[in-house]
Protein backbone atom coordinates (compact mmCIF):
# COMPACT_ATOMS: atom_id res chain seq x y z
CA UNK A 1 -0.86 11.03 14.69
CA UNK A 2 -0.51 7.33 15.48
CA UNK A 3 -1.05 4.92 12.61
CA UNK A 4 -2.51 1.47 13.29
CA UNK A 5 -2.01 -1.39 10.88
CA UNK A 6 -5.05 -3.44 10.01
CA UNK A 7 -4.96 -6.90 11.57
CA UNK A 8 -6.30 -8.45 8.37
CA UNK A 9 -3.74 -7.02 5.94
CA UNK A 10 -1.30 -9.26 4.11
CA UNK A 11 1.69 -7.59 5.75
CA UNK A 12 0.26 -8.10 9.26
CA UNK A 13 -0.54 -11.72 8.47
CA UNK A 14 3.00 -12.36 7.22
CA UNK A 15 4.43 -10.72 10.35
CA UNK A 16 2.56 -13.22 12.51
CA UNK A 17 3.43 -16.20 10.28
CA UNK A 18 6.62 -18.27 10.27
CA UNK A 19 9.44 -16.85 8.15
CA UNK A 20 9.13 -19.52 5.46
CA UNK A 21 5.54 -18.55 4.63
CA UNK A 22 6.77 -15.41 2.85
CA UNK A 23 9.00 -17.59 0.66
CA UNK A 24 6.03 -19.82 -0.16
CA UNK A 25 4.03 -16.74 -1.15
CA UNK A 26 6.85 -15.45 -3.37
CA UNK A 27 7.15 -18.87 -4.99
CA UNK A 28 3.42 -19.03 -5.70
CA UNK A 29 3.40 -15.55 -7.20
CA UNK A 30 6.46 -16.38 -9.32
CA UNK A 31 4.92 -19.60 -10.63
CA UNK A 32 1.63 -17.91 -11.44
CA UNK A 33 3.27 -15.01 -13.23
CA UNK A 34 5.57 -17.26 -15.25
CA UNK A 35 2.58 -19.36 -16.27
CA UNK A 36 0.52 -16.35 -17.33
CA UNK A 37 3.14 -14.13 -18.99
CA UNK A 38 4.10 -14.54 -22.63
CA UNK A 39 7.55 -15.97 -23.33
CA UNK A 40 8.90 -12.56 -24.41
CA UNK A 41 8.38 -11.12 -20.91
CA UNK A 42 9.38 -14.03 -18.66
CA UNK A 43 13.01 -13.01 -18.37
CA UNK A 44 12.38 -9.28 -18.26
CA UNK A 45 14.81 -7.67 -15.90
CA UNK A 46 17.40 -10.43 -16.10
CA UNK A 47 18.60 -9.57 -19.59
CA UNK A 48 20.99 -6.68 -20.05
CA UNK A 49 20.04 -4.59 -23.04
CA UNK A 50 22.46 -2.01 -24.47
C-alpha cells in the first residue's frame, strides 16, 4: 500500500519552505506557550527533580 502525504499538511508545507521557516515556527510556538502557561510550568522539563 502506497501512502501519499497531503499537499496541504504542515509537514508538507515545511518541506517545501526554506529551512529557517521551521525555526520561526518553533519560536512562535515557544513564545505563545510561554505567554499562556503559568509561571510554575514554564521551566518544566529543564529542572531536575529528585
